[in-house]
Amino acid sequence: AFKHASNGLLRMVLIEGDLHARLCSLKRYFLLDKGDFLVHFVDIAGSELSRRAPDISVNKLQSLLELALKLSTAQSDPHNEDLTCGLERQGIIHQLLSIHVTGDEPVMRGGGGGGVGGG
């Protein structure tokens, strides 16, 4: 029973879930295997990205990302439609500082006063 369940799960992940193609997509987008889509995106979304975060239209960014994907080598990626845009509520400094937090205890001590912890 265990072997049958394991084989079924493996088949589902590898074949039906298209694991290999999804891993190739991750390599393309996160490791910038073919990063030309990012150059296109920054070029066409530059004016929108230069605005303050509350003034940015996520829908417009999503449309521009889709356009950038269609104009790049990523157009042949079978999973390019799974890539989406979003905005973080926290600034980059807060996110970087939160990396240095283990539990509630800051790793870096001192008078930094950056609002670390308690989020």
N, C-alpha and C. Protein backbone atom coordinates (compact mmCIF):
# COMPACT_ATOMS: atom_id res chain seq x y z
N ALA A 1 0.82 -1.19 0.00
CA ALA A 1 0.00 0.00 0.00
C ALA A 1 0.87 1.26 0.00
N PHE A 2 1.94 1.23 0.84
CA PHE A 2 2.82 2.38 0.91
C PHE A 2 3.52 2.63 -0.43
N LYS A 3 4.01 1.56 -1.03
CA LYS A 3 4.72 1.67 -2.31
C LYS A 3 3.78 2.19 -3.40
N HIS A 4 2.55 1.70 -3.39
CA HIS A 4 1.55 2.15 -4.37
C HIS A 4 1.24 3.64 -4.18
N ALA A 5 1.08 4.07 -2.92
CA ALA A 5 0.80 5.47 -2.63
C ALA A 5 1.99 6.35 -3.01
N SER A 6 3.19 5.87 -2.71
CA SER A 6 4.40 6.64 -3.05
C SER A 6 4.54 6.80 -4.56
N ASN A 7 4.31 5.71 -5.29
CA ASN A 7 4.40 5.79 -6.75
C ASN A 7 3.34 6.73 -7.31
N GLY A 8 2.13 6.69 -6.75
CA GLY A 8 1.06 7.58 -7.21
C GLY A 8 1.40 9.03 -6.95
N LEU A 9 1.93 9.33 -5.77
CA LEU A 9 2.32 10.70 -5.44
C LEU A 9 3.46 11.17 -6.33
N LEU A 10 4.44 10.34 -6.53
CA LEU A 10 5.57 10.68 -7.38
C LEU A 10 5.12 10.95 -8.81
N ARG A 11 4.25 10.11 -9.32
CA ARG A 11 3.73 10.30 -10.68
C ARG A 11 2.95 11.62 -10.77
N MET A 12 2.15 11.91 -9.75
CA MET A 12 1.35 13.13 -9.76
C MET A 12 2.25 14.37 -9.74
N VAL A 13 3.27 14.36 -8.90
CA VAL A 13 4.16 15.52 -8.79
C VAL A 13 5.01 15.69 -10.05
N LEU A 14 5.60 14.61 -10.52
CA LEU A 14 6.51 14.71 -11.65
C LEU A 14 5.81 14.90 -12.98
N ILE A 15 4.75 14.17 -13.20
CA ILE A 15 4.12 14.18 -14.53
C ILE A 15 2.94 15.14 -14.56
N GLU A 16 1.95 14.91 -13.72
CA GLU A 16 0.75 15.75 -13.76
C GLU A 16 1.04 17.16 -13.28
N GLY A 17 1.94 17.30 -12.29
CA GLY A 17 2.30 18.62 -11.78
C GLY A 17 3.38 19.30 -12.58
N ASP A 18 3.95 18.59 -13.56
CA ASP A 18 4.97 19.14 -14.45
C ASP A 18 6.12 19.76 -13.67
N LEU A 19 6.65 19.00 -12.71
CA LEU A 19 7.68 19.50 -11.80
C LEU A 19 8.91 20.02 -12.54
N HIS A 20 9.38 19.29 -13.52
CA HIS A 20 10.59 19.70 -14.23
C HIS A 20 10.40 21.06 -14.90
N ALA A 21 9.31 21.25 -15.59
CA ALA A 21 9.06 22.53 -16.26
C ALA A 21 8.90 23.66 -15.25
N ARG A 22 8.27 23.38 -14.12
CA ARG A 22 8.10 24.41 -13.08
C ARG A 22 9.44 24.79 -12.46
N LEU A 23 10.31 23.81 -12.25
CA LEU A 23 11.65 24.12 -11.74
C LEU A 23 12.46 24.93 -12.75
N CYS A 24 12.29 24.64 -14.02
CA CYS A 24 12.95 25.43 -15.06
C CYS A 24 12.43 26.87 -15.05
N SER A 25 11.13 27.03 -14.81
CA SER A 25 10.55 28.38 -14.70
C SER A 25 11.13 29.12 -13.51
N LEU A 26 11.25 28.43 -12.38
CA LEU A 26 11.86 29.06 -11.21
C LEU A 26 13.28 29.51 -11.50
N LYS A 27 14.02 28.68 -12.20
CA LYS A 27 15.39 29.03 -12.57
C LYS A 27 15.39 30.27 -13.46
N ARG A 28 14.47 30.33 -14.39
CA ARG A 28 14.40 31.46 -15.32
C ARG A 28 14.10 32.76 -14.58
N TYR A 29 13.12 32.74 -13.69
CA TYR A 29 12.66 33.97 -13.06
C TYR A 29 13.43 34.37 -11.82
N PHE A 30 13.73 33.42 -10.95
CA PHE A 30 14.37 33.78 -9.69
C PHE A 30 15.88 33.78 -9.77
N LEU A 31 16.44 32.95 -10.60
CA LEU A 31 17.89 32.94 -10.77
C LEU A 31 18.30 33.69 -12.02
N LEU A 32 17.32 34.28 -12.70
CA LEU A 32 17.54 35.11 -13.89
C LEU A 32 18.35 34.39 -14.95
N ASP A 33 18.00 33.13 -15.18
CA ASP A 33 18.62 32.34 -16.24
C ASP A 33 18.52 33.10 -17.56
N LYS A 34 17.36 33.62 -17.83
CA LYS A 34 17.14 34.46 -19.01
C LYS A 34 16.45 35.71 -18.49
N GLY A 35 17.24 36.68 -18.04
CA GLY A 35 16.72 37.84 -17.34
C GLY A 35 16.28 38.99 -18.22
N ASP A 36 16.15 38.77 -19.53
CA ASP A 36 15.76 39.88 -20.39
C ASP A 36 14.35 40.39 -20.09
N PHE A 37 13.49 39.52 -19.54
CA PHE A 37 12.14 39.97 -19.20
C PHE A 37 12.20 41.06 -18.13
N LEU A 38 13.16 40.95 -17.22
CA LEU A 38 13.27 41.93 -16.14
C LEU A 38 13.74 43.28 -16.69
N VAL A 39 14.64 43.27 -17.64
CA VAL A 39 15.09 44.51 -18.27
C VAL A 39 13.92 45.17 -18.99
N HIS A 40 13.16 44.39 -19.75
CA HIS A 40 11.97 44.92 -20.43
C HIS A 40 10.98 45.50 -19.42
N PHE A 41 10.75 44.77 -18.35
CA PHE A 41 9.77 45.20 -17.35
C PHE A 41 10.19 46.52 -16.71
N VAL A 42 11.45 46.63 -16.30
CA VAL A 42 11.92 47.87 -15.66
C VAL A 42 11.87 49.03 -16.65
N ASP A 43 12.20 48.77 -17.90
CA ASP A 43 12.13 49.83 -18.91
C ASP A 43 10.71 50.36 -19.10
N ILE A 44 9.74 49.47 -19.24
CA ILE A 44 8.38 49.93 -19.54
C ILE A 44 7.59 50.31 -18.29
N ALA A 45 8.03 49.85 -17.11
CA ALA A 45 7.30 50.17 -15.88
C ALA A 45 8.02 51.20 -15.02
N GLY A 46 9.08 51.77 -15.54
CA GLY A 46 9.90 52.71 -14.76
C GLY A 46 9.12 53.86 -14.16
N SER A 47 8.25 54.47 -14.96
CA SER A 47 7.50 55.63 -14.44
C SER A 47 6.53 55.20 -13.34
N GLU A 48 5.92 54.04 -13.49
CA GLU A 48 4.99 53.55 -12.47
C GLU A 48 5.75 53.15 -11.21
N LEU A 49 6.92 52.55 -11.37
CA LEU A 49 7.71 52.11 -10.22
C LEU A 49 8.35 53.27 -9.47
N SER A 50 8.47 54.44 -10.10
CA SER A 50 9.07 55.59 -9.43
C SER A 50 8.08 56.32 -8.53
N ARG A 51 6.82 55.94 -8.58
CA ARG A 51 5.80 56.56 -7.73
C ARG A 51 5.89 56.03 -6.31
N ARG A 52 5.22 56.73 -5.41
CA ARG A 52 5.10 56.25 -4.03
C ARG A 52 4.24 54.99 -4.04
N ALA A 53 4.53 54.07 -3.13
CA ALA A 53 3.84 52.77 -3.11
C ALA A 53 2.31 52.89 -3.08
N PRO A 54 1.72 53.80 -2.29
CA PRO A 54 0.25 53.87 -2.29
C PRO A 54 -0.34 54.35 -3.63
N ASP A 55 0.48 55.02 -4.43
CA ASP A 55 0.00 55.56 -5.70
C ASP A 55 0.20 54.61 -6.88
N ILE A 56 0.84 53.48 -6.65
CA ILE A 56 1.14 52.53 -7.73
C ILE A 56 -0.07 51.64 -7.98
N SER A 57 -0.39 51.47 -9.25
CA SER A 57 -1.47 50.58 -9.64
C SER A 57 -0.90 49.17 -9.88
N VAL A 58 -1.29 48.24 -9.02
CA VAL A 58 -0.81 46.87 -9.17
C VAL A 58 -1.34 46.26 -10.46
N ASN A 59 -2.56 46.62 -10.85
CA ASN A 59 -3.12 46.10 -12.10
C ASN A 59 -2.30 46.57 -13.30
N LYS A 60 -1.87 47.83 -13.26
CA LYS A 60 -1.05 48.33 -14.36
C LYS A 60 0.31 47.62 -14.38
N LEU A 61 0.90 47.42 -13.20
CA LEU A 61 2.16 46.68 -13.14
C LEU A 61 2.00 45.27 -13.68
N GLN A 62 0.90 44.63 -13.34
CA GLN A 62 0.65 43.27 -13.83
C GLN A 62 0.56 43.26 -15.35
N SER A 63 -0.14 44.24 -15.92
CA SER A 63 -0.25 44.33 -17.39
C SER A 63 1.11 44.56 -18.03
N LEU A 64 1.91 45.42 -17.41
CA LEU A 64 3.25 45.69 -17.94
C LEU A 64 4.15 44.46 -17.82
N LEU A 65 4.00 43.71 -16.73
CA LEU A 65 4.78 42.48 -16.59
C LEU A 65 4.39 41.47 -17.67
N GLU A 66 3.11 41.33 -17.91
CA GLU A 66 2.66 40.41 -18.95
C GLU A 66 3.20 40.82 -20.32
N LEU A 67 3.22 42.13 -20.58
CA LEU A 67 3.78 42.62 -21.84
C LEU A 67 5.27 42.32 -21.92
N ALA A 68 5.99 42.57 -20.83
CA ALA A 68 7.43 42.30 -20.80
C ALA A 68 7.72 40.81 -21.04
N LEU A 69 6.89 39.96 -20.47
CA LEU A 69 7.08 38.51 -20.67
C LEU A 69 6.85 38.13 -22.13
N LYS A 70 5.87 38.76 -22.76
CA LYS A 70 5.57 38.45 -24.17
C LYS A 70 6.66 38.96 -25.10
N LEU A 71 7.39 40.00 -24.69
CA LEU A 71 8.44 40.59 -25.53
C LEU A 71 9.81 39.95 -25.29
N SER A 72 9.89 39.01 -24.35
CA SER A 72 11.18 38.44 -23.99
C SER A 72 11.25 36.96 -24.36
N THR A 73 12.37 36.36 -24.02
CA THR A 73 12.52 34.93 -24.26
C THR A 73 11.61 34.11 -23.36
N ALA A 74 11.03 34.74 -22.34
CA ALA A 74 10.12 34.04 -21.43
C ALA A 74 8.78 33.71 -22.08
N GLN A 75 8.53 34.24 -23.28
CA GLN A 75 7.26 33.95 -23.95
C GLN A 75 7.09 32.46 -24.23
N SER A 76 8.19 31.74 -24.33
CA SER A 76 8.10 30.30 -24.60
C SER A 76 7.94 29.47 -23.34
N ASP A 77 8.01 30.11 -22.17
CA ASP A 77 7.86 29.39 -20.91
C ASP A 77 6.40 28.99 -20.71
N PRO A 78 6.12 27.71 -20.52
CA PRO A 78 4.72 27.28 -20.39
C PRO A 78 4.05 27.78 -19.12
N HIS A 79 4.83 28.28 -18.16
CA HIS A 79 4.26 28.74 -16.89
C HIS A 79 4.39 30.24 -16.70
N ASN A 80 4.64 31.00 -17.77
CA ASN A 80 4.83 32.44 -17.61
C ASN A 80 3.56 33.15 -17.14
N GLU A 81 2.42 32.55 -17.36
CA GLU A 81 1.17 33.16 -16.90
C GLU A 81 1.00 33.05 -15.38
N ASP A 82 1.82 32.24 -14.73
CA ASP A 82 1.74 32.08 -13.29
C ASP A 82 2.48 33.19 -12.55
N LEU A 83 3.28 33.98 -13.26
CA LEU A 83 4.04 35.06 -12.65
C LEU A 83 3.14 36.27 -12.43
N THR A 84 3.12 36.80 -11.21
CA THR A 84 2.26 37.93 -10.89
C THR A 84 3.05 39.01 -10.16
N CYS A 85 2.46 40.21 -10.11
CA CYS A 85 3.05 41.34 -9.40
C CYS A 85 2.33 41.55 -8.08
N GLY A 86 3.04 42.10 -7.14
CA GLY A 86 2.44 42.48 -5.87
C GLY A 86 3.33 43.51 -5.20
N LEU A 87 2.77 44.23 -4.27
CA LEU A 87 3.54 45.22 -3.52
C LEU A 87 3.55 44.82 -2.05
N GLU A 88 4.69 44.96 -1.43
CA GLU A 88 4.82 44.67 -0.01
C GLU A 88 4.42 45.90 0.80
N ARG A 89 3.79 45.68 1.91
CA ARG A 89 3.41 46.79 2.79
C ARG A 89 4.63 47.31 3.56
N GLN A 90 5.59 46.44 3.82
CA GLN A 90 6.78 46.82 4.56
C GLN A 90 7.85 47.30 3.59
N GLY A 91 8.62 48.29 4.00
CA GLY A 91 9.73 48.79 3.19
C GLY A 91 10.88 47.79 3.18
N ILE A 92 11.80 48.00 2.28
CA ILE A 92 12.94 47.08 2.13
C ILE A 92 13.80 47.07 3.38
N ILE A 93 13.97 48.22 4.02
CA ILE A 93 14.80 48.29 5.23
C ILE A 93 14.17 47.42 6.33
N HIS A 94 12.88 47.55 6.51
CA HIS A 94 12.20 46.74 7.53
C HIS A 94 12.34 45.25 7.21
N GLN A 95 12.20 44.89 5.95
CA GLN A 95 12.33 43.48 5.57
C GLN A 95 13.74 42.96 5.83
N LEU A 96 14.75 43.76 5.48
CA LEU A 96 16.13 43.34 5.71
C LEU A 96 16.43 43.23 7.20
N LEU A 97 15.93 44.19 7.98
CA LEU A 97 16.15 44.11 9.41
C LEU A 97 15.46 42.92 10.03
N SER A 98 14.29 42.55 9.50
CA SER A 98 13.57 41.41 10.06
C SER A 98 14.28 40.09 9.80
N ILE A 99 15.16 40.06 8.83
CA ILE A 99 15.96 38.86 8.57
C ILE A 99 16.89 38.59 9.76
N HIS A 100 17.30 39.65 10.42
CA HIS A 100 18.24 39.52 11.53
C HIS A 100 17.55 39.24 12.85
N VAL A 101 16.29 38.91 12.82
CA VAL A 101 15.55 38.64 14.03
C VAL A 101 15.31 37.13 14.15
N THR A 102 15.66 36.60 15.29
CA THR A 102 15.37 35.20 15.57
C THR A 102 14.36 35.18 16.70
N GLY A 103 13.13 34.78 16.38
CA GLY A 103 12.07 34.88 17.38
C GLY A 103 11.79 36.34 17.66
N ASP A 104 11.87 36.72 18.93
CA ASP A 104 11.70 38.13 19.31
C ASP A 104 13.03 38.78 19.64
N GLU A 105 14.10 38.06 19.55
CA GLU A 105 15.41 38.55 19.95
C GLU A 105 16.22 39.00 18.74
N PRO A 106 16.57 40.32 18.63
CA PRO A 106 17.39 40.78 17.51
C PRO A 106 18.79 40.18 17.58
N VAL A 107 19.32 39.77 16.45
CA VAL A 107 20.67 39.24 16.38
C VAL A 107 21.67 40.37 16.52
N MET A 108 21.40 41.51 15.85
CA MET A 108 22.28 42.68 15.92
C MET A 108 21.79 43.56 17.07
N ARG A 109 22.69 43.85 17.99
CA ARG A 109 22.32 44.66 19.15
C ARG A 109 22.95 46.05 19.00
N GLY A 110 22.33 46.99 19.65
CA GLY A 110 22.86 48.33 19.60
C GLY A 110 21.76 49.33 19.43
N GLY A 111 22.13 50.58 19.28
CA GLY A 111 21.15 51.66 19.20
C GLY A 111 20.67 51.93 17.80
N GLY A 112 20.36 50.92 17.04
CA GLY A 112 19.90 51.11 15.65
C GLY A 112 18.54 51.73 15.55
N GLY A 113 17.63 51.41 16.47
CA GLY A 113 16.30 52.00 16.48
C GLY A 113 15.54 51.87 15.19
N GLY A 114 15.54 50.73 14.55
CA GLY A 114 14.87 50.57 13.28
C GLY A 114 13.51 49.91 13.38
N GLY A 115 12.99 49.74 14.58
CA GLY A 115 11.67 49.13 14.70
C GLY A 115 11.71 47.61 14.50
N VAL A 116 12.80 46.98 14.87
CA VAL A 116 12.93 45.54 14.67
C VAL A 116 12.09 44.80 15.70
N GLY A 117 11.43 43.75 15.27
CA GLY A 117 10.65 42.90 16.15
C GLY A 117 9.21 43.35 16.22
N GLY A 118 8.43 42.67 16.99
CA GLY A 118 7.06 43.03 17.25
C GLY A 118 6.17 43.15 16.04
N GLY A 119 6.45 42.69 14.89
CA GLY A 119 5.61 42.91 13.72
C GLY A 119 4.49 42.02 13.67
